[in-house]
Amino acid sequence: DLVREKSAPHGLEAASDASGCPGSSPYASGSTTAAYDPDCHRNDEQVNVQLEPGSSSLEPLAFKYLRLSSRATVTHLRKYVAQEVLHDISRFRDIDIFILNNDDGTFLGRDHVLKFVRVVYWNENEPMPLQYRFSHTIY
């Protein structure tokens, strides 16, 4: 098996041995240099968040408490909310995420990783209180 022969010298598992998570094979994208993470970031440092709607025009999530890899970005959360609330992941640009660390909340940039958000804005043991709102910015 060609995949096994190429994987073995590098200490990688073949795609059929992977955990089944999307993109778990280093060859899935056609590139042998793709990041390979057979545990789908389950062993990363974890961050707990509480996601609430910012207005009555947005429906609440079925699961408002999430545990995520600290490497996840604000854009990952925006896409999750767009899929779950707007039922269209392509509308993720219509959603902004805020951390409720003051009266109005602090806007979180799309490229922020959740570890950065936790260290800079929320150094508590409770889940980070996040709020999703419709975006008022045109991209």
N, C-alpha and C. Protein backbone atom coordinates (compact mmCIF):
# COMPACT_ATOMS: atom_id res chain seq x y z
N ASP A 1 0.86 -1.19 0.00
CA ASP A 1 0.00 0.00 0.00
C ASP A 1 0.90 1.24 0.00
N LEU A 2 0.76 2.08 -1.02
CA LEU A 2 1.60 3.24 -1.20
C LEU A 2 1.51 4.22 -0.03
N VAL A 3 0.31 4.44 0.49
CA VAL A 3 0.13 5.37 1.61
C VAL A 3 0.89 4.86 2.83
N ARG A 4 0.79 3.59 3.12
CA ARG A 4 1.50 3.02 4.27
C ARG A 4 3.01 3.14 4.10
N GLU A 5 3.51 2.91 2.87
CA GLU A 5 4.94 3.00 2.63
C GLU A 5 5.45 4.43 2.83
N LYS A 6 4.69 5.41 2.38
CA LYS A 6 5.09 6.81 2.54
C LYS A 6 4.92 7.28 3.98
N SER A 7 3.93 6.75 4.68
CA SER A 7 3.64 7.20 6.04
C SER A 7 4.62 6.63 7.05
N ALA A 8 4.98 5.37 6.89
CA ALA A 8 5.78 4.67 7.90
C ALA A 8 7.10 5.37 8.24
N PRO A 9 7.90 5.84 7.28
CA PRO A 9 9.17 6.46 7.65
C PRO A 9 9.00 7.75 8.45
N HIS A 10 7.86 8.37 8.35
CA HIS A 10 7.63 9.64 9.03
C HIS A 10 6.85 9.48 10.32
N GLY A 11 6.53 8.27 10.70
CA GLY A 11 5.79 8.03 11.93
C GLY A 11 4.32 8.38 11.83
N LEU A 12 3.79 8.41 10.62
CA LEU A 12 2.39 8.77 10.41
C LEU A 12 1.56 7.52 10.21
N GLU A 13 0.30 7.60 10.61
CA GLU A 13 -0.62 6.50 10.35
C GLU A 13 -1.21 6.68 8.96
N ALA A 14 -1.59 5.60 8.36
CA ALA A 14 -2.29 5.67 7.08
C ALA A 14 -3.69 6.18 7.30
N ALA A 15 -4.32 6.69 6.26
CA ALA A 15 -5.65 7.28 6.38
C ALA A 15 -6.66 6.31 6.97
N SER A 16 -6.56 5.03 6.62
CA SER A 16 -7.52 4.07 7.14
C SER A 16 -7.35 3.84 8.63
N ASP A 17 -6.18 4.17 9.20
CA ASP A 17 -5.93 4.00 10.62
C ASP A 17 -6.28 5.25 11.42
N ALA A 18 -6.59 6.34 10.75
CA ALA A 18 -6.86 7.61 11.43
C ALA A 18 -8.17 7.55 12.17
N SER A 19 -8.40 8.55 12.99
CA SER A 19 -9.56 8.54 13.88
C SER A 19 -10.88 8.82 13.16
N GLY A 20 -10.83 9.18 11.90
CA GLY A 20 -12.06 9.41 11.16
C GLY A 20 -12.49 10.86 11.15
N CYS A 21 -11.71 11.75 11.74
CA CYS A 21 -12.11 13.15 11.72
C CYS A 21 -11.77 13.75 10.37
N PRO A 22 -12.52 14.77 9.93
CA PRO A 22 -12.27 15.36 8.62
C PRO A 22 -10.84 15.89 8.54
N GLY A 23 -10.19 15.62 7.44
CA GLY A 23 -8.83 16.11 7.23
C GLY A 23 -7.80 15.40 8.06
N SER A 24 -8.12 14.23 8.57
CA SER A 24 -7.18 13.54 9.44
C SER A 24 -6.04 12.89 8.67
N SER A 25 -6.19 12.71 7.39
CA SER A 25 -5.13 12.12 6.59
C SER A 25 -4.21 13.21 6.08
N PRO A 26 -2.90 13.00 6.16
CA PRO A 26 -1.99 14.01 5.62
C PRO A 26 -2.07 14.09 4.11
N TYR A 27 -2.71 13.11 3.47
CA TYR A 27 -2.80 13.07 2.02
C TYR A 27 -4.18 13.50 1.51
N ALA A 28 -5.07 13.89 2.41
CA ALA A 28 -6.43 14.23 2.02
C ALA A 28 -6.47 15.42 1.08
N SER A 29 -5.59 16.40 1.29
CA SER A 29 -5.60 17.59 0.46
C SER A 29 -4.66 17.46 -0.73
N GLY A 30 -3.99 16.31 -0.86
CA GLY A 30 -3.05 16.13 -1.96
C GLY A 30 -1.66 16.63 -1.62
N SER A 31 -1.47 17.17 -0.43
CA SER A 31 -0.18 17.69 -0.01
C SER A 31 0.36 16.86 1.14
N THR A 32 1.62 16.44 1.03
CA THR A 32 2.21 15.67 2.12
C THR A 32 2.71 16.58 3.23
N THR A 33 2.64 17.90 3.04
CA THR A 33 3.10 18.82 4.08
C THR A 33 1.95 19.37 4.90
N ALA A 34 0.74 18.91 4.65
CA ALA A 34 -0.42 19.38 5.41
C ALA A 34 -0.27 19.00 6.88
N ALA A 35 -0.79 19.86 7.76
CA ALA A 35 -0.75 19.56 9.19
C ALA A 35 -1.53 18.28 9.45
N TYR A 36 -0.95 17.40 10.23
CA TYR A 36 -1.58 16.11 10.49
C TYR A 36 -1.86 16.00 11.98
N ASP A 37 -3.10 15.85 12.34
CA ASP A 37 -3.49 15.77 13.74
C ASP A 37 -4.52 14.66 13.89
N PRO A 38 -4.08 13.43 14.19
CA PRO A 38 -5.01 12.31 14.23
C PRO A 38 -6.04 12.40 15.34
N ASP A 39 -5.82 13.23 16.35
CA ASP A 39 -6.80 13.32 17.44
C ASP A 39 -7.74 14.52 17.28
N CYS A 40 -7.67 15.20 16.14
CA CYS A 40 -8.56 16.34 15.84
C CYS A 40 -8.51 17.40 16.93
N HIS A 41 -7.35 17.66 17.49
CA HIS A 41 -7.11 18.69 18.51
C HIS A 41 -7.75 18.38 19.86
N ARG A 42 -8.14 17.14 20.08
CA ARG A 42 -8.73 16.78 21.38
C ARG A 42 -7.72 16.87 22.51
N ASN A 43 -6.43 16.73 22.21
CA ASN A 43 -5.41 16.81 23.25
C ASN A 43 -4.83 18.20 23.40
N ASP A 44 -5.33 19.17 22.64
CA ASP A 44 -4.91 20.56 22.81
C ASP A 44 -5.42 21.09 24.14
N GLU A 45 -4.86 22.21 24.56
CA GLU A 45 -5.44 22.93 25.69
C GLU A 45 -6.87 23.31 25.29
N GLN A 46 -7.80 23.19 26.22
CA GLN A 46 -9.21 23.43 25.91
C GLN A 46 -9.68 24.75 26.51
N VAL A 47 -10.65 25.37 25.86
CA VAL A 47 -11.25 26.61 26.31
C VAL A 47 -12.76 26.39 26.39
N ASN A 48 -13.37 26.85 27.47
CA ASN A 48 -14.83 26.74 27.63
C ASN A 48 -15.46 28.08 27.32
N VAL A 49 -16.51 28.05 26.50
CA VAL A 49 -17.22 29.28 26.15
C VAL A 49 -18.71 29.10 26.36
N GLN A 50 -19.36 30.22 26.59
CA GLN A 50 -20.82 30.28 26.68
C GLN A 50 -21.27 31.25 25.60
N LEU A 51 -21.98 30.77 24.60
CA LEU A 51 -22.42 31.59 23.47
C LEU A 51 -23.89 31.93 23.60
N GLU A 52 -24.19 33.22 23.67
CA GLU A 52 -25.57 33.70 23.81
C GLU A 52 -25.89 34.64 22.65
N PRO A 53 -27.16 34.70 22.23
CA PRO A 53 -27.54 35.67 21.20
C PRO A 53 -27.53 37.09 21.76
N GLY A 54 -27.19 38.05 20.90
CA GLY A 54 -27.13 39.45 21.33
C GLY A 54 -28.42 40.20 21.11
N SER A 55 -29.40 39.57 20.47
CA SER A 55 -30.69 40.23 20.26
C SER A 55 -31.77 39.17 20.14
N SER A 56 -33.00 39.61 20.28
CA SER A 56 -34.12 38.67 20.19
C SER A 56 -34.36 38.21 18.75
N SER A 57 -33.76 38.90 17.77
CA SER A 57 -33.93 38.49 16.38
C SER A 57 -33.04 37.29 16.01
N LEU A 58 -32.13 36.94 16.90
CA LEU A 58 -31.29 35.76 16.70
C LEU A 58 -31.75 34.66 17.64
N GLU A 59 -31.95 33.47 17.09
CA GLU A 59 -32.39 32.36 17.94
C GLU A 59 -31.21 31.85 18.78
N PRO A 60 -31.50 31.32 19.96
CA PRO A 60 -30.42 30.76 20.79
C PRO A 60 -29.92 29.44 20.21
N LEU A 61 -28.69 29.12 20.53
CA LEU A 61 -28.11 27.85 20.10
C LEU A 61 -28.68 26.70 20.92
N ALA A 62 -28.73 25.54 20.34
CA ALA A 62 -29.19 24.35 21.08
C ALA A 62 -28.21 24.03 22.21
N PHE A 63 -26.92 24.25 21.97
CA PHE A 63 -25.89 24.03 22.98
C PHE A 63 -25.13 25.34 23.16
N LYS A 64 -25.41 26.07 24.23
CA LYS A 64 -24.75 27.35 24.42
C LYS A 64 -23.39 27.22 25.09
N TYR A 65 -23.10 26.09 25.72
CA TYR A 65 -21.79 25.85 26.32
C TYR A 65 -20.99 24.94 25.40
N LEU A 66 -19.79 25.38 25.06
CA LEU A 66 -18.92 24.61 24.17
C LEU A 66 -17.53 24.49 24.78
N ARG A 67 -16.89 23.37 24.56
CA ARG A 67 -15.48 23.19 24.91
C ARG A 67 -14.74 22.99 23.61
N LEU A 68 -13.78 23.88 23.36
CA LEU A 68 -13.08 23.91 22.08
C LEU A 68 -11.57 23.90 22.30
N SER A 69 -10.85 23.57 21.25
CA SER A 69 -9.41 23.71 21.27
C SER A 69 -9.07 25.18 21.43
N SER A 70 -8.03 25.48 22.19
CA SER A 70 -7.61 26.88 22.36
C SER A 70 -7.06 27.44 21.05
N ARG A 71 -6.82 26.57 20.06
CA ARG A 71 -6.35 27.01 18.75
C ARG A 71 -7.50 27.45 17.83
N ALA A 72 -8.73 27.19 18.22
CA ALA A 72 -9.88 27.60 17.40
C ALA A 72 -9.90 29.13 17.32
N THR A 73 -10.37 29.64 16.21
CA THR A 73 -10.42 31.09 16.02
C THR A 73 -11.85 31.61 16.16
N VAL A 74 -11.95 32.92 16.24
CA VAL A 74 -13.26 33.56 16.28
C VAL A 74 -14.03 33.24 15.00
N THR A 75 -13.34 33.12 13.89
CA THR A 75 -14.02 32.76 12.64
C THR A 75 -14.64 31.37 12.73
N HIS A 76 -14.00 30.44 13.42
CA HIS A 76 -14.63 29.12 13.63
C HIS A 76 -15.96 29.29 14.36
N LEU A 77 -15.99 30.13 15.38
CA LEU A 77 -17.24 30.37 16.12
C LEU A 77 -18.28 31.03 15.23
N ARG A 78 -17.86 31.99 14.42
CA ARG A 78 -18.79 32.68 13.51
C ARG A 78 -19.42 31.69 12.54
N LYS A 79 -18.62 30.77 12.02
CA LYS A 79 -19.14 29.77 11.09
C LYS A 79 -20.08 28.81 11.79
N TYR A 80 -19.76 28.45 13.02
CA TYR A 80 -20.64 27.56 13.79
C TYR A 80 -21.99 28.23 14.02
N VAL A 81 -21.97 29.49 14.44
CA VAL A 81 -23.22 30.22 14.69
C VAL A 81 -24.00 30.38 13.39
N ALA A 82 -23.33 30.72 12.30
CA ALA A 82 -24.01 30.88 11.02
C ALA A 82 -24.70 29.59 10.61
N GLN A 83 -24.03 28.47 10.79
CA GLN A 83 -24.62 27.18 10.42
C GLN A 83 -25.80 26.83 11.32
N GLU A 84 -25.64 27.01 12.62
CA GLU A 84 -26.66 26.59 13.58
C GLU A 84 -27.85 27.55 13.66
N VAL A 85 -27.60 28.85 13.54
CA VAL A 85 -28.66 29.85 13.72
C VAL A 85 -29.24 30.31 12.38
N LEU A 86 -28.37 30.62 11.43
CA LEU A 86 -28.83 31.11 10.13
C LEU A 86 -29.02 29.98 9.12
N HIS A 87 -28.56 28.78 9.48
CA HIS A 87 -28.68 27.58 8.64
C HIS A 87 -28.00 27.75 7.28
N ASP A 88 -26.93 28.57 7.28
CA ASP A 88 -26.17 28.81 6.06
C ASP A 88 -24.76 29.25 6.45
N ILE A 89 -23.82 28.33 6.39
CA ILE A 89 -22.46 28.65 6.84
C ILE A 89 -21.82 29.76 6.01
N SER A 90 -22.27 29.93 4.77
CA SER A 90 -21.69 30.98 3.92
C SER A 90 -22.04 32.38 4.42
N ARG A 91 -22.97 32.49 5.34
CA ARG A 91 -23.35 33.81 5.89
C ARG A 91 -22.58 34.15 7.17
N PHE A 92 -21.45 33.48 7.41
CA PHE A 92 -20.70 33.72 8.64
C PHE A 92 -20.22 35.17 8.76
N ARG A 93 -20.08 35.86 7.64
CA ARG A 93 -19.66 37.27 7.68
C ARG A 93 -20.75 38.17 8.26
N ASP A 94 -21.98 37.66 8.35
CA ASP A 94 -23.09 38.43 8.93
C ASP A 94 -23.08 38.38 10.45
N ILE A 95 -22.17 37.61 11.04
CA ILE A 95 -22.13 37.41 12.49
C ILE A 95 -20.85 38.00 13.07
N ASP A 96 -20.97 38.74 14.17
CA ASP A 96 -19.83 39.21 14.94
C ASP A 96 -19.89 38.57 16.31
N ILE A 97 -18.73 38.37 16.91
CA ILE A 97 -18.62 37.77 18.23
C ILE A 97 -18.03 38.80 19.19
N PHE A 98 -18.63 38.92 20.36
CA PHE A 98 -18.17 39.83 21.40
C PHE A 98 -17.95 39.04 22.68
N ILE A 99 -16.97 39.48 23.47
CA ILE A 99 -16.80 38.91 24.81
C ILE A 99 -17.40 39.90 25.79
N LEU A 100 -18.20 39.40 26.70
CA LEU A 100 -18.92 40.26 27.65
C LEU A 100 -18.06 40.51 28.88
N ASN A 101 -16.99 41.28 28.69
CA ASN A 101 -16.10 41.63 29.78
C ASN A 101 -16.34 43.06 30.27
N ASN A 102 -17.32 43.75 29.68
CA ASN A 102 -17.76 45.08 30.12
C ASN A 102 -19.22 45.25 29.70
N ASP A 103 -19.79 46.43 29.91
CA ASP A 103 -21.23 46.63 29.64
C ASP A 103 -21.63 46.36 28.19
N ASP A 104 -20.82 46.83 27.24
CA ASP A 104 -21.16 46.67 25.82
C ASP A 104 -20.52 45.45 25.17
N GLY A 105 -19.57 44.86 25.84
CA GLY A 105 -18.83 43.75 25.25
C GLY A 105 -17.70 44.28 24.39
N THR A 106 -16.70 43.47 24.18
CA THR A 106 -15.55 43.82 23.35
C THR A 106 -15.60 42.99 22.08
N PHE A 107 -15.55 43.69 20.94
CA PHE A 107 -15.55 43.02 19.65
C PHE A 107 -14.30 42.16 19.52
N LEU A 108 -14.46 40.94 19.03
CA LEU A 108 -13.33 40.03 18.83
C LEU A 108 -13.02 39.92 17.35
N GLY A 109 -11.79 40.20 16.99
CA GLY A 109 -11.36 40.11 15.60
C GLY A 109 -11.41 38.69 15.09
N ARG A 110 -11.61 38.55 13.81
CA ARG A 110 -11.85 37.24 13.21
C ARG A 110 -10.68 36.28 13.34
N ASP A 111 -9.46 36.80 13.40
CA ASP A 111 -8.29 35.93 13.44
C ASP A 111 -7.80 35.62 14.84
N HIS A 112 -8.45 36.16 15.86
CA HIS A 112 -8.04 35.88 17.24
C HIS A 112 -8.24 34.39 17.54
N VAL A 113 -7.22 33.75 18.11
CA VAL A 113 -7.42 32.39 18.61
C VAL A 113 -8.00 32.50 20.01
N LEU A 114 -8.74 31.49 20.41
CA LEU A 114 -9.46 31.57 21.69
C LEU A 114 -8.51 31.61 22.89
N LYS A 115 -7.32 31.07 22.76
CA LYS A 115 -6.36 31.18 23.86
C LYS A 115 -5.99 32.64 24.08
N PHE A 116 -5.75 33.39 23.02
CA PHE A 116 -5.45 34.81 23.12
C PHE A 116 -6.61 35.54 23.79
N VAL A 117 -7.83 35.25 23.37
CA VAL A 117 -9.01 35.90 23.94
C VAL A 117 -9.09 35.61 25.44
N ARG A 118 -8.87 34.37 25.82
CA ARG A 118 -8.96 34.00 27.24
C ARG A 118 -7.88 34.70 28.06
N VAL A 119 -6.65 34.73 27.57
CA VAL A 119 -5.54 35.33 28.32
C VAL A 119 -5.70 36.84 28.42
N VAL A 120 -6.09 37.49 27.34
CA VAL A 120 -6.16 38.95 27.32
C VAL A 120 -7.45 39.48 27.94
N TYR A 121 -8.58 38.85 27.66
CA TYR A 121 -9.87 39.42 28.07
C TYR A 121 -10.56 38.68 29.21
N TRP A 122 -10.19 37.43 29.49
CA TRP A 122 -10.97 36.64 30.44
C TRP A 122 -10.07 35.69 31.20
N ASN A 123 -9.57 36.11 32.33
CA ASN A 123 -8.69 35.25 33.11
C ASN A 123 -9.43 34.66 34.30
N GLU A 124 -10.59 34.11 34.05
CA GLU A 124 -11.43 33.51 35.09
C GLU A 124 -11.54 32.01 34.83
N ASN A 125 -12.03 31.28 35.81
CA ASN A 125 -12.23 29.84 35.65
C ASN A 125 -13.56 29.50 34.99
N GLU A 126 -14.52 30.41 35.01
CA GLU A 126 -15.82 30.15 34.39
C GLU A 126 -15.68 30.20 32.87
N PRO A 127 -16.65 29.64 32.16
CA PRO A 127 -16.63 29.74 30.69
C PRO A 127 -16.65 31.20 30.24
N MET A 128 -15.94 31.49 29.16
CA MET A 128 -15.92 32.85 28.63
C MET A 128 -17.32 33.20 28.13
N PRO A 129 -17.89 34.31 28.60
CA PRO A 129 -19.22 34.70 28.12
C PRO A 129 -19.10 35.43 26.78
N LEU A 130 -19.52 34.77 25.73
CA LEU A 130 -19.46 35.35 24.39
C LEU A 130 -20.87 35.60 23.89
N GLN A 131 -20.99 36.60 23.03
CA GLN A 131 -22.29 36.95 22.48
C GLN A 131 -22.15 37.08 20.97
N TYR A 132 -23.10 36.53 20.24
CA TYR A 132 -23.09 36.69 18.79
C TYR A 132 -24.17 37.68 18.41
N ARG A 133 -23.83 38.55 17.46
CA ARG A 133 -24.73 39.61 16.99
C ARG A 133 -24.63 39.69 15.47
N PHE A 134 -25.67 40.29 14.88
CA PHE A 134 -25.58 40.57 13.46
C PHE A 134 -24.52 41.63 13.24
N SER A 135 -23.73 41.47 12.20
CA SER A 135 -22.68 42.40 11.88
C SER A 135 -23.27 43.67 11.27
N HIS A 136 -22.68 44.79 11.65
CA HIS A 136 -23.09 46.07 11.05
C HIS A 136 -22.02 46.58 10.10
N THR A 137 -20.99 45.78 9.90
CA THR A 137 -19.87 46.14 9.04
C THR A 137 -20.05 45.47 7.69
N ILE A 138 -19.74 46.20 6.65
CA ILE A 138 -19.77 45.63 5.30
C ILE A 138 -18.36 45.18 4.96
N TYR A 139 -18.22 43.92 4.58
CA TYR A 139 -16.89 43.37 4.28
C TYR A 139 -16.56 43.55 2.84
